Amino acid sequence: DDSIMFKTADNQFFQIVVQPNTGQATLDQWYMEQLDETVINDSDRLSGANWQGIKSLDGLTLYLMDAGQKYIFTLAYNPGENNILDYINIFDLIIKSFILGAPAPANEPG
């Protein structure tokens, strides 16, 4: 109901989890509280068409929030037991193409 997982033949996987932002915290507040961080580096910030995100220090997890701050999405790449990042390029593509909500049909004006 609140997550999806894509698993590879060698047991590496990508997971997307969504949870409500019940406390209506900002992304920075939520990130610092959940991960016990005191500083967020600007280099760890990412954004998409309708979301803002913060990437974990190891680069394998992205925490993002929709523009309305109603939900928190976690996009994660787990390289499995061997810890070899065979699919990091696919994870980067997932992040770059992540869109919240349905895009407008191509034949309709913006």
PDB file of N, CA and C in Angstrom:
ATOM      1  N   ASP A   1       0.809  -1.209   0.000  1.00  0.00           N
ATOM      2  CA  ASP A   1       0.000   0.000   0.000  1.00  0.00           C
ATOM      3  C   ASP A   1       0.849   1.268   0.000  1.00  0.00           C
ATOM      4  N   ASP A   2       1.995   1.224   0.690  1.00  0.00           N
ATOM      5  CA  ASP A   2       2.786   2.439   0.799  1.00  0.00           C
ATOM      6  C   ASP A   2       4.213   2.286   0.292  1.00  0.00           C
ATOM      7  N   SER A   3       4.496   1.185  -0.416  1.00  0.00           N
ATOM      8  CA  SER A   3       5.846   1.009  -0.946  1.00  0.00           C
ATOM      9  C   SER A   3       5.837   0.129  -2.193  1.00  0.00           C
ATOM     10  N   ILE A   4       6.937   0.259  -2.926  1.00  0.00           N
ATOM     11  CA  ILE A   4       7.151  -0.584  -4.097  1.00  0.00           C
ATOM     12  C   ILE A   4       8.632  -0.943  -4.126  1.00  0.00           C
ATOM     13  N   MET A   5       8.922  -2.159  -4.560  1.00  0.00           N
ATOM     14  CA  MET A   5      10.304  -2.622  -4.602  1.00  0.00           C
ATOM     15  C   MET A   5      10.584  -3.252  -5.962  1.00  0.00           C
ATOM     16  N   PHE A   6      11.763  -2.927  -6.493  1.00  0.00           N
ATOM     17  CA  PHE A   6      12.253  -3.533  -7.726  1.00  0.00           C
ATOM     18  C   PHE A   6      13.522  -4.296  -7.363  1.00  0.00           C
ATOM     19  N   LYS A   7      13.492  -5.606  -7.556  1.00  0.00           N
ATOM     20  CA  LYS A   7      14.605  -6.459  -7.143  1.00  0.00           C
ATOM     21  C   LYS A   7      15.310  -7.031  -8.370  1.00  0.00           C
ATOM     22  N   THR A   8      16.633  -7.063  -8.328  1.00  0.00           N
ATOM     23  CA  THR A   8      17.428  -7.610  -9.418  1.00  0.00           C
ATOM     24  C   THR A   8      17.720  -9.087  -9.157  1.00  0.00           C
ATOM     25  N   ALA A   9      18.200  -9.771 -10.161  1.00  0.00           N
ATOM     26  CA  ALA A   9      18.488 -11.205 -10.032  1.00  0.00           C
ATOM     27  C   ALA A   9      19.575 -11.482  -8.997  1.00  0.00           C
ATOM     28  N   ASP A  10      20.457 -10.519  -8.762  1.00  0.00           N
ATOM     29  CA  ASP A  10      21.534 -10.715  -7.785  1.00  0.00           C
ATOM     30  C   ASP A  10      21.198 -10.124  -6.406  1.00  0.00           C
ATOM     31  N   ASN A  11      19.907  -9.953  -6.139  1.00  0.00           N
ATOM     32  CA  ASN A  11      19.372  -9.520  -4.838  1.00  0.00           C
ATOM     33  C   ASN A  11      19.680  -8.083  -4.449  1.00  0.00           C
ATOM     34  N   GLN A  12      20.058  -7.251  -5.411  1.00  0.00           N
ATOM     35  CA  GLN A  12      20.098  -5.826  -5.144  1.00  0.00           C
ATOM     36  C   GLN A  12      18.672  -5.317  -5.381  1.00  0.00           C
ATOM     37  N   PHE A  13      18.312  -4.196  -4.747  1.00  0.00           N
ATOM     38  CA  PHE A  13      16.956  -3.707  -4.973  1.00  0.00           C
ATOM     39  C   PHE A  13      16.840  -2.207  -4.790  1.00  0.00           C
ATOM     40  N   PHE A  14      15.789  -1.682  -5.429  1.00  0.00           N
ATOM     41  CA  PHE A  14      15.382  -0.289  -5.276  1.00  0.00           C
ATOM     42  C   PHE A  14      14.038  -0.309  -4.569  1.00  0.00           C
ATOM     43  N   GLN A  15      13.844   0.629  -3.661  1.00  0.00           N
ATOM     44  CA  GLN A  15      12.576   0.686  -2.945  1.00  0.00           C
ATOM     45  C   GLN A  15      12.113   2.132  -2.857  1.00  0.00           C
ATOM     46  N   ILE A  16      10.824   2.322  -3.028  1.00  0.00           N
ATOM     47  CA  ILE A  16      10.203   3.628  -2.840  1.00  0.00           C
ATOM     48  C   ILE A  16       9.129   3.461  -1.778  1.00  0.00           C
ATOM     49  N   VAL A  17       9.219   4.266  -0.726  1.00  0.00           N
ATOM     50  CA  VAL A  17       8.269   4.207   0.386  1.00  0.00           C
ATOM     51  C   VAL A  17       7.658   5.598   0.545  1.00  0.00           C
ATOM     52  N   VAL A  18       6.356   5.647   0.744  1.00  0.00           N
ATOM     53  CA  VAL A  18       5.673   6.921   0.988  1.00  0.00           C
ATOM     54  C   VAL A  18       5.023   6.873   2.360  1.00  0.00           C
ATOM     55  N   GLN A  19       5.104   7.993   3.056  1.00  0.00           N
ATOM     56  CA  GLN A  19       4.453   8.091   4.366  1.00  0.00           C
ATOM     57  C   GLN A  19       3.896   9.501   4.525  1.00  0.00           C
ATOM     58  N   PRO A  20       2.808   9.628   5.258  1.00  0.00           N
ATOM     59  CA  PRO A  20       2.233  10.965   5.452  1.00  0.00           C
ATOM     60  C   PRO A  20       3.134  11.815   6.352  1.00  0.00           C
ATOM     61  N   ASN A  21       3.154  13.072   6.087  1.00  0.00           N
ATOM     62  CA  ASN A  21       3.895  14.030   6.909  1.00  0.00           C
ATOM     63  C   ASN A  21       2.932  14.536   7.983  1.00  0.00           C
ATOM     64  N   THR A  22       2.647  13.683   8.944  1.00  0.00           N
ATOM     65  CA  THR A  22       1.610  13.969   9.939  1.00  0.00           C
ATOM     66  C   THR A  22       1.914  15.194  10.791  1.00  0.00           C
ATOM     67  N   GLY A  23       3.172  15.465  11.042  1.00  0.00           N
ATOM     68  CA  GLY A  23       3.521  16.631  11.853  1.00  0.00           C
ATOM     69  C   GLY A  23       3.650  17.902  11.053  1.00  0.00           C
ATOM     70  N   GLN A  24       3.429  17.824   9.719  1.00  0.00           N
ATOM     71  CA  GLN A  24       3.563  18.974   8.820  1.00  0.00           C
ATOM     72  C   GLN A  24       4.928  19.663   8.966  1.00  0.00           C
ATOM     73  N   ALA A  25       5.960  18.862   9.209  1.00  0.00           N
ATOM     74  CA  ALA A  25       7.318  19.389   9.315  1.00  0.00           C
ATOM     75  C   ALA A  25       7.835  19.756   7.936  1.00  0.00           C
ATOM     76  N   THR A  26       8.798  20.668   7.899  1.00  0.00           N
ATOM     77  CA  THR A  26       9.482  20.933   6.640  1.00  0.00           C
ATOM     78  C   THR A  26      10.402  19.744   6.374  1.00  0.00           C
ATOM     79  N   LEU A  27      10.891  19.642   5.160  1.00  0.00           N
ATOM     80  CA  LEU A  27      11.808  18.551   4.834  1.00  0.00           C
ATOM     81  C   LEU A  27      13.046  18.602   5.717  1.00  0.00           C
ATOM     82  N   ASP A  28      13.609  19.774   5.905  1.00  0.00           N
ATOM     83  CA  ASP A  28      14.800  19.908   6.747  1.00  0.00           C
ATOM     84  C   ASP A  28      14.514  19.452   8.181  1.00  0.00           C
ATOM     85  N   GLN A  29      13.391  19.901   8.741  1.00  0.00           N
ATOM     86  CA  GLN A  29      13.031  19.502  10.106  1.00  0.00           C
ATOM     87  C   GLN A  29      12.890  17.998  10.208  1.00  0.00           C
ATOM     88  N   TRP A  30      12.160  17.407   9.270  1.00  0.00           N
ATOM     89  CA  TRP A  30      11.928  15.960   9.291  1.00  0.00           C
ATOM     90  C   TRP A  30      13.241  15.206   9.168  1.00  0.00           C
ATOM     91  N   TYR A  31      14.076  15.586   8.215  1.00  0.00           N
ATOM     92  CA  TYR A  31      15.354  14.912   7.972  1.00  0.00           C
ATOM     93  C   TYR A  31      16.247  14.967   9.212  1.00  0.00           C
ATOM     94  N   MET A  32      16.394  16.150   9.781  1.00  0.00           N
ATOM     95  CA  MET A  32      17.279  16.293  10.949  1.00  0.00           C
ATOM     96  C   MET A  32      16.753  15.512  12.147  1.00  0.00           C
ATOM     97  N   GLU A  33      15.433  15.495  12.326  1.00  0.00           N
ATOM     98  CA  GLU A  33      14.854  14.754  13.448  1.00  0.00           C
ATOM     99  C   GLU A  33      14.973  13.250  13.242  1.00  0.00           C
ATOM    100  N   GLN A  34      14.618  12.766  12.064  1.00  0.00           N
ATOM    101  CA  GLN A  34      14.613  11.319  11.801  1.00  0.00           C
ATOM    102  C   GLN A  34      16.015  10.728  11.744  1.00  0.00           C
ATOM    103  N   LEU A  35      16.964  11.483  11.207  1.00  0.00           N
ATOM    104  CA  LEU A  35      18.313  10.953  11.018  1.00  0.00           C
ATOM    105  C   LEU A  35      19.311  11.500  12.025  1.00  0.00           C
ATOM    106  N   ASP A  36      18.831  12.237  13.003  1.00  0.00           N
ATOM    107  CA  ASP A  36      19.672  12.799  14.058  1.00  0.00           C
ATOM    108  C   ASP A  36      20.851  13.580  13.477  1.00  0.00           C
ATOM    109  N   GLU A  37      20.552  14.399  12.487  1.00  0.00           N
ATOM    110  CA  GLU A  37      21.555  15.244  11.841  1.00  0.00           C
ATOM    111  C   GLU A  37      21.379  16.674  12.327  1.00  0.00           C
ATOM    112  N   THR A  38      22.463  17.415  12.362  1.00  0.00           N
ATOM    113  CA  THR A  38      22.384  18.814  12.777  1.00  0.00           C
ATOM    114  C   THR A  38      22.658  19.773  11.624  1.00  0.00           C
ATOM    115  N   VAL A  39      23.252  19.251  10.544  1.00  0.00           N
ATOM    116  CA  VAL A  39      23.601  20.086   9.400  1.00  0.00           C
ATOM    117  C   VAL A  39      23.213  19.350   8.123  1.00  0.00           C
ATOM    118  N   ILE A  40      22.700  20.100   7.146  1.00  0.00           N
ATOM    119  CA  ILE A  40      22.415  19.546   5.832  1.00  0.00           C
ATOM    120  C   ILE A  40      23.270  20.304   4.832  1.00  0.00           C
ATOM    121  N   ASN A  41      24.119  19.585   4.116  1.00  0.00           N
ATOM    122  CA  ASN A  41      24.981  20.207   3.123  1.00  0.00           C
ATOM    123  C   ASN A  41      24.177  20.558   1.871  1.00  0.00           C
ATOM    124  N   ASP A  42      24.446  21.718   1.309  1.00  0.00           N
ATOM    125  CA  ASP A  42      23.759  22.121   0.080  1.00  0.00           C
ATOM    126  C   ASP A  42      24.014  21.128  -1.048  1.00  0.00           C
ATOM    127  N   SER A  43      25.164  20.477  -1.045  1.00  0.00           N
ATOM    128  CA  SER A  43      25.492  19.507  -2.089  1.00  0.00           C
ATOM    129  C   SER A  43      24.619  18.252  -2.011  1.00  0.00           C
ATOM    130  N   ASP A  44      23.957  18.030  -0.874  1.00  0.00           N
ATOM    131  CA  ASP A  44      23.074  16.873  -0.708  1.00  0.00           C
ATOM    132  C   ASP A  44      21.630  17.180  -1.086  1.00  0.00           C
ATOM    133  N   ARG A  45      21.350  18.412  -1.482  1.00  0.00           N
ATOM    134  CA  ARG A  45      19.994  18.805  -1.848  1.00  0.00           C
ATOM    135  C   ARG A  45      19.750  18.538  -3.332  1.00  0.00           C
ATOM    136  N   LEU A  46      18.577  18.013  -3.620  1.00  0.00           N
ATOM    137  CA  LEU A  46      18.147  17.755  -4.993  1.00  0.00           C
ATOM    138  C   LEU A  46      16.721  18.265  -5.144  1.00  0.00           C
ATOM    139  N   SER A  47      16.315  18.496  -6.376  1.00  0.00           N
ATOM    140  CA  SER A  47      14.927  18.893  -6.596  1.00  0.00           C
ATOM    141  C   SER A  47      14.454  18.368  -7.940  1.00  0.00           C
ATOM    142  N   GLY A  48      13.147  18.197  -8.016  1.00  0.00           N
ATOM    143  CA  GLY A  48      12.501  17.764  -9.242  1.00  0.00           C
ATOM    144  C   GLY A  48      11.426  18.760  -9.611  1.00  0.00           C
ATOM    145  N   ALA A  49      10.570  18.371 -10.537  1.00  0.00           N
ATOM    146  CA  ALA A  49       9.525  19.265 -11.027  1.00  0.00           C
ATOM    147  C   ALA A  49       8.617  19.744  -9.900  1.00  0.00           C
ATOM    148  N   ASN A  50       8.282  18.869  -8.969  1.00  0.00           N
ATOM    149  CA  ASN A  50       7.350  19.241  -7.900  1.00  0.00           C
ATOM    150  C   ASN A  50       7.753  18.652  -6.553  1.00  0.00           C
ATOM    151  N   TRP A  51       9.063  18.531  -6.331  1.00  0.00           N
ATOM    152  CA  TRP A  51       9.541  18.021  -5.054  1.00  0.00           C
ATOM    153  C   TRP A  51      10.929  18.580  -4.722  1.00  0.00           C
ATOM    154  N   GLN A  52      11.241  18.541  -3.431  1.00  0.00           N
ATOM    155  CA  GLN A  52      12.562  18.889  -2.914  1.00  0.00           C
ATOM    156  C   GLN A  52      13.068  17.682  -2.159  1.00  0.00           C
ATOM    157  N   GLY A  53      14.368  17.412  -2.238  1.00  0.00           N
ATOM    158  CA  GLY A  53      14.901  16.233  -1.577  1.00  0.00           C
ATOM    159  C   GLY A  53      16.262  16.452  -0.953  1.00  0.00           C
ATOM    160  N   ILE A  54      16.617  15.510  -0.086  1.00  0.00           N
ATOM    161  CA  ILE A  54      17.930  15.493   0.551  1.00  0.00           C
ATOM    162  C   ILE A  54      18.470  14.081   0.420  1.00  0.00           C
ATOM    163  N   LYS A  55      19.675  13.973  -0.127  1.00  0.00           N
ATOM    164  CA  LYS A  55      20.320  12.679  -0.320  1.00  0.00           C
ATOM    165  C   LYS A  55      21.145  12.336   0.916  1.00  0.00           C
ATOM    166  N   SER A  56      21.137  11.059   1.283  1.00  0.00           N
ATOM    167  CA  SER A  56      21.922  10.604   2.425  1.00  0.00           C
ATOM    168  C   SER A  56      23.415  10.759   2.137  1.00  0.00           C
ATOM    169  N   LEU A  57      24.227  10.720   3.178  1.00  0.00           N
ATOM    170  CA  LEU A  57      25.671  10.899   3.024  1.00  0.00           C
ATOM    171  C   LEU A  57      26.292   9.864   2.102  1.00  0.00           C
ATOM    172  N   ASP A  58      25.785   8.619   2.121  1.00  0.00           N
ATOM    173  CA  ASP A  58      26.343   7.582   1.252  1.00  0.00           C
ATOM    174  C   ASP A  58      25.761   7.633  -0.164  1.00  0.00           C
ATOM    175  N   GLY A  59      24.770   8.495  -0.390  1.00  0.00           N
ATOM    176  CA  GLY A  59      24.186   8.661  -1.709  1.00  0.00           C
ATOM    177  C   GLY A  59      23.225   7.570  -2.130  1.00  0.00           C
ATOM    178  N   LEU A  60      22.870   6.665  -1.222  1.00  0.00           N
ATOM    179  CA  LEU A  60      22.027   5.527  -1.569  1.00  0.00           C
ATOM    180  C   LEU A  60      20.562   5.706  -1.180  1.00  0.00           C
ATOM    181  N   THR A  61      20.248   6.829  -0.536  1.00  0.00           N
ATOM    182  CA  THR A  61      18.877   7.095  -0.139  1.00  0.00           C
ATOM    183  C   THR A  61      18.560   8.562  -0.398  1.00  0.00           C
ATOM    184  N   LEU A  62      17.393   8.804  -0.939  1.00  0.00           N
ATOM    185  CA  LEU A  62      16.907  10.166  -1.134  1.00  0.00           C
ATOM    186  C   LEU A  62      15.593  10.302  -0.388  1.00  0.00           C
ATOM    187  N   TYR A  63      15.518  11.318   0.458  1.00  0.00           N
ATOM    188  CA  TYR A  63      14.290  11.633   1.176  1.00  0.00           C
ATOM    189  C   TYR A  63      13.724  12.876   0.497  1.00  0.00           C
ATOM    190  N   LEU A  64      12.480  12.789   0.051  1.00  0.00           N
ATOM    191  CA  LEU A  64      11.928  13.954  -0.625  1.00  0.00           C
ATOM    192  C   LEU A  64      10.510  14.230  -0.161  1.00  0.00           C
ATOM    193  N   MET A  65      10.101  15.467  -0.403  1.00  0.00           N
ATOM    194  CA  MET A  65       8.790  15.913   0.031  1.00  0.00           C
ATOM    195  C   MET A  65       8.100  16.604  -1.124  1.00  0.00           C
ATOM    196  N   ASP A  66       6.806  16.366  -1.243  1.00  0.00           N
ATOM    197  CA  ASP A  66       6.005  17.025  -2.268  1.00  0.00           C
ATOM    198  C   ASP A  66       5.877  18.511  -1.954  1.00  0.00           C
ATOM    199  N   ALA A  67       5.525  19.293  -2.957  1.00  0.00           N
ATOM    200  CA  ALA A  67       5.433  20.741  -2.802  1.00  0.00           C
ATOM    201  C   ALA A  67       4.428  21.143  -1.717  1.00  0.00           C
ATOM    202  N   GLY A  68       3.378  20.367  -1.517  1.00  0.00           N
ATOM    203  CA  GLY A  68       2.380  20.666  -0.495  1.00  0.00           C
ATOM    204  C   GLY A  68       2.768  20.204   0.893  1.00  0.00           C
ATOM    205  N   GLN A  69       3.919  19.561   1.024  1.00  0.00           N
ATOM    206  CA  GLN A  69       4.453  19.038   2.290  1.00  0.00           C
ATOM    207  C   GLN A  69       3.494  18.081   2.981  1.00  0.00           C
ATOM    208  N   LYS A  70       2.758  17.290   2.182  1.00  0.00           N
ATOM    209  CA  LYS A  70       1.815  16.337   2.762  1.00  0.00           C
ATOM    210  C   LYS A  70       2.422  14.949   2.933  1.00  0.00           C
ATOM    211  N   TYR A  71       3.441  14.623   2.109  1.00  0.00           N
ATOM    212  CA  TYR A  71       4.018  13.279   2.133  1.00  0.00           C
ATOM    213  C   TYR A  71       5.536  13.335   2.077  1.00  0.00           C
ATOM    214  N   ILE A  72       6.140  12.298   2.625  1.00  0.00           N
ATOM    215  CA  ILE A  72       7.582  12.103   2.566  1.00  0.00           C
ATOM    216  C   ILE A  72       7.814  10.815   1.794  1.00  0.00           C
ATOM    217  N   PHE A  73       8.652  10.887   0.800  1.00  0.00           N
ATOM    218  CA  PHE A  73       8.993   9.740  -0.034  1.00  0.00           C
ATOM    219  C   PHE A  73      10.441   9.375   0.225  1.00  0.00           C
ATOM    220  N   THR A  74      10.693   8.090   0.367  1.00  0.00           N
ATOM    221  CA  THR A  74      12.053   7.603   0.522  1.00  0.00           C
ATOM    222  C   THR A  74      12.364   6.731  -0.684  1.00  0.00           C
ATOM    223  N   LEU A  75      13.391   7.107  -1.431  1.00  0.00           N
ATOM    224  CA  LEU A  75      13.871   6.324  -2.562  1.00  0.00           C
ATOM    225  C   LEU A  75      15.206   5.750  -2.143  1.00  0.00           C
ATOM    226  N   ALA A  76      15.342   4.433  -2.155  1.00  0.00           N
ATOM    227  CA  ALA A  76      16.561   3.804  -1.648  1.00  0.00           C
ATOM    228  C   ALA A  76      17.092   2.766  -2.625  1.00  0.00           C
ATOM    229  N   TYR A  77      18.405   2.660  -2.641  1.00  0.00           N
ATOM    230  CA  TYR A  77      19.098   1.631  -3.415  1.00  0.00           C
ATOM    231  C   TYR A  77      19.880   0.785  -2.428  1.00  0.00           C
ATOM    232  N   ASN A  78      19.590  -0.513  -2.394  1.00  0.00           N
ATOM    233  CA  ASN A  78      20.296  -1.445  -1.523  1.00  0.00           C
ATOM    234  C   ASN A  78      21.150  -2.357  -2.399  1.00  0.00           C
ATOM    235  N   PRO A  79      22.487  -2.241  -2.304  1.00  0.00           N
ATOM    236  CA  PRO A  79      23.361  -3.044  -3.158  1.00  0.00           C
ATOM    237  C   PRO A  79      23.529  -4.487  -2.708  1.00  0.00           C
ATOM    238  N   GLY A  80      22.824  -4.893  -1.682  1.00  0.00           N
ATOM    239  CA  GLY A  80      22.909  -6.279  -1.230  1.00  0.00           C
ATOM    240  C   GLY A  80      24.164  -6.565  -0.427  1.00  0.00           C
ATOM    241  N   GLU A  81      24.423  -7.828  -0.233  1.00  0.00           N
ATOM    242  CA  GLU A  81      25.529  -8.250   0.628  1.00  0.00           C
ATOM    243  C   GLU A  81      26.899  -7.896   0.069  1.00  0.00           C
ATOM    244  N   ASN A  82      27.037  -7.862  -1.255  1.00  0.00           N
ATOM    245  CA  ASN A  82      28.362  -7.611  -1.822  1.00  0.00           C
ATOM    246  C   ASN A  82      28.750  -6.135  -1.812  1.00  0.00           C
ATOM    247  N   ASN A  83      27.800  -5.246  -1.556  1.00  0.00           N
ATOM    248  CA  ASN A  83      28.039  -3.804  -1.496  1.00  0.00           C
ATOM    249  C   ASN A  83      28.688  -3.235  -2.748  1.00  0.00           C
ATOM    250  N   ILE A  84      28.476  -3.869  -3.884  1.00  0.00           N
ATOM    251  CA  ILE A  84      28.976  -3.353  -5.150  1.00  0.00           C
ATOM    252  C   ILE A  84      27.819  -2.639  -5.838  1.00  0.00           C
ATOM    253  N   LEU A  85      28.039  -1.398  -6.217  1.00  0.00           N
ATOM    254  CA  LEU A  85      26.980  -0.563  -6.771  1.00  0.00           C
ATOM    255  C   LEU A  85      26.814  -0.809  -8.267  1.00  0.00           C
ATOM    256  N   ASP A  86      26.342  -1.998  -8.615  1.00  0.00           N
ATOM    257  CA  ASP A  86      26.172  -2.370 -10.018  1.00  0.00           C
ATOM    258  C   ASP A  86      25.113  -1.541 -10.726  1.00  0.00           C
ATOM    259  N   TYR A  87      24.149  -1.014  -9.992  1.00  0.00           N
ATOM    260  CA  TYR A  87      23.006  -0.346 -10.608  1.00  0.00           C
ATOM    261  C   TYR A  87      22.846   1.106 -10.159  1.00  0.00           C
ATOM    262  N   ILE A  88      23.929   1.732  -9.747  1.00  0.00           N
ATOM    263  CA  ILE A  88      23.832   3.117  -9.270  1.00  0.00           C
ATOM    264  C   ILE A  88      23.350   4.045 -10.383  1.00  0.00           C
ATOM    265  N   ASN A  89      23.714   3.747 -11.633  1.00  0.00           N
ATOM    266  CA  ASN A  89      23.242   4.584 -12.743  1.00  0.00           C
ATOM    267  C   ASN A  89      21.722   4.495 -12.897  1.00  0.00           C
ATOM    268  N   ILE A  90      21.157   3.331 -12.648  1.00  0.00           N
ATOM    269  CA  ILE A  90      19.700   3.177 -12.707  1.00  0.00           C
ATOM    270  C   ILE A  90      19.045   3.937 -11.558  1.00  0.00           C
ATOM    271  N   PHE A  91      19.649   3.892 -10.379  1.00  0.00           N
ATOM    272  CA  PHE A  91      19.120   4.644  -9.243  1.00  0.00           C
ATOM    273  C   PHE A  91      19.121   6.143  -9.558  1.00  0.00           C
ATOM    274  N   ASP A  92      20.204   6.625 -10.143  1.00  0.00           N
ATOM    275  CA  ASP A  92      20.267   8.039 -10.517  1.00  0.00           C
ATOM    276  C   ASP A  92      19.174   8.389 -11.530  1.00  0.00           C
ATOM    277  N   LEU A  93      18.894   7.492 -12.468  1.00  0.00           N
ATOM    278  CA  LEU A  93      17.827   7.725 -13.451  1.00  0.00           C
ATOM    279  C   LEU A  93      16.447   7.723 -12.794  1.00  0.00           C
ATOM    280  N   ILE A  94      16.251   6.853 -11.810  1.00  0.00           N
ATOM    281  CA  ILE A  94      14.984   6.833 -11.072  1.00  0.00           C
ATOM    282  C   ILE A  94      14.763   8.192 -10.413  1.00  0.00           C
ATOM    283  N   ILE A  95      15.810   8.705  -9.777  1.00  0.00           N
ATOM    284  CA  ILE A  95      15.703  10.010  -9.105  1.00  0.00           C
ATOM    285  C   ILE A  95      15.407  11.108 -10.125  1.00  0.00           C
ATOM    286  N   LYS A  96      16.162  11.140 -11.216  1.00  0.00           N
ATOM    287  CA  LYS A  96      15.994  12.205 -12.214  1.00  0.00           C
ATOM    288  C   LYS A  96      14.620  12.177 -12.867  1.00  0.00           C
ATOM    289  N   SER A  97      14.018  11.008 -12.970  1.00  0.00           N
ATOM    290  CA  SER A  97      12.725  10.908 -13.648  1.00  0.00           C
ATOM    291  C   SER A  97      11.539  10.861 -12.679  1.00  0.00           C
ATOM    292  N   PHE A  98      11.779  10.991 -11.383  1.00  0.00           N
ATOM    293  CA  PHE A  98      10.712  10.873 -10.390  1.00  0.00           C
ATOM    294  C   PHE A  98       9.779  12.076 -10.475  1.00  0.00           C
ATOM    295  N   ILE A  99       8.501  11.797 -10.696  1.00  0.00           N
ATOM    296  CA  ILE A  99       7.477  12.834 -10.784  1.00  0.00           C
ATOM    297  C   ILE A  99       6.339  12.449  -9.851  1.00  0.00           C
ATOM    298  N   LEU A 100       5.854  13.403  -9.093  1.00  0.00           N
ATOM    299  CA  LEU A 100       4.715  13.173  -8.214  1.00  0.00           C
ATOM    300  C   LEU A 100       3.452  13.616  -8.914  1.00  0.00           C
ATOM    301  N   GLY A 101       2.447  12.746  -8.921  1.00  0.00           N
ATOM    302  CA  GLY A 101       1.194  13.064  -9.573  1.00  0.00           C
ATOM    303  C   GLY A 101       1.260  12.758 -11.056  1.00  0.00           C
ATOM    304  N   ALA A 102       0.152  12.854 -11.691  1.00  0.00           N
ATOM    305  CA  ALA A 102       0.073  12.555 -13.118  1.00  0.00           C
ATOM    306  C   ALA A 102       0.486  13.762 -13.937  1.00  0.00           C
ATOM    307  N   PRO A 103       1.388  13.563 -14.909  1.00  0.00           N
ATOM    308  CA  PRO A 103       1.757  14.690 -15.768  1.00  0.00           C
ATOM    309  C   PRO A 103       0.602  15.048 -16.697  1.00  0.00           C
ATOM    310  N   ALA A 104       0.580  16.299 -17.135  1.00  0.00           N
ATOM    311  CA  ALA A 104      -0.455  16.733 -18.091  1.00  0.00           C
ATOM    312  C   ALA A 104      -0.239  16.039 -19.422  1.00  0.00           C
ATOM    313  N   PRO A 105      -1.315  15.667 -20.121  1.00  0.00           N
ATOM    314  CA  PRO A 105      -1.163  15.065 -21.437  1.00  0.00           C
ATOM    315  C   PRO A 105      -0.371  15.964 -22.368  1.00  0.00           C
ATOM    316  N   ALA A 106       0.427  15.367 -23.241  1.00  0.00           N
ATOM    317  CA  ALA A 106       1.330  16.113 -24.109  1.00  0.00           C
ATOM    318  C   ALA A 106       0.600  17.064 -25.050  1.00  0.00           C
ATOM    319  N   ASN A 107      -0.627  16.761 -25.413  1.00  0.00           N
ATOM    320  CA  ASN A 107      -1.339  17.600 -26.371  1.00  0.00           C
ATOM    321  C   ASN A 107      -2.130  18.732 -25.722  1.00  0.00           C
ATOM    322  N   GLU A 108      -2.099  18.832 -24.407  1.00  0.00           N
ATOM    323  CA  GLU A 108      -2.796  19.920 -23.712  1.00  0.00           C
ATOM    324  C   GLU A 108      -1.806  20.998 -23.324  1.00  0.00           C
ATOM    325  N   PRO A 109      -2.172  22.265 -23.404  1.00  0.00           N
ATOM    326  CA  PRO A 109      -1.261  23.336 -23.005  1.00  0.00           C
ATOM    327  C   PRO A 109      -1.019  23.311 -21.499  1.00  0.00           C
ATOM    328  N   GLY A 110       0.250  23.667 -21.133  1.00  0.00           N
ATOM    329  CA  GLY A 110       0.774  23.671 -19.794  1.00  0.00           C
ATOM    330  C   GLY A 110      -0.129  23.999 -18.719  1.00  0.00           C
TER     331      GLY A 110
END
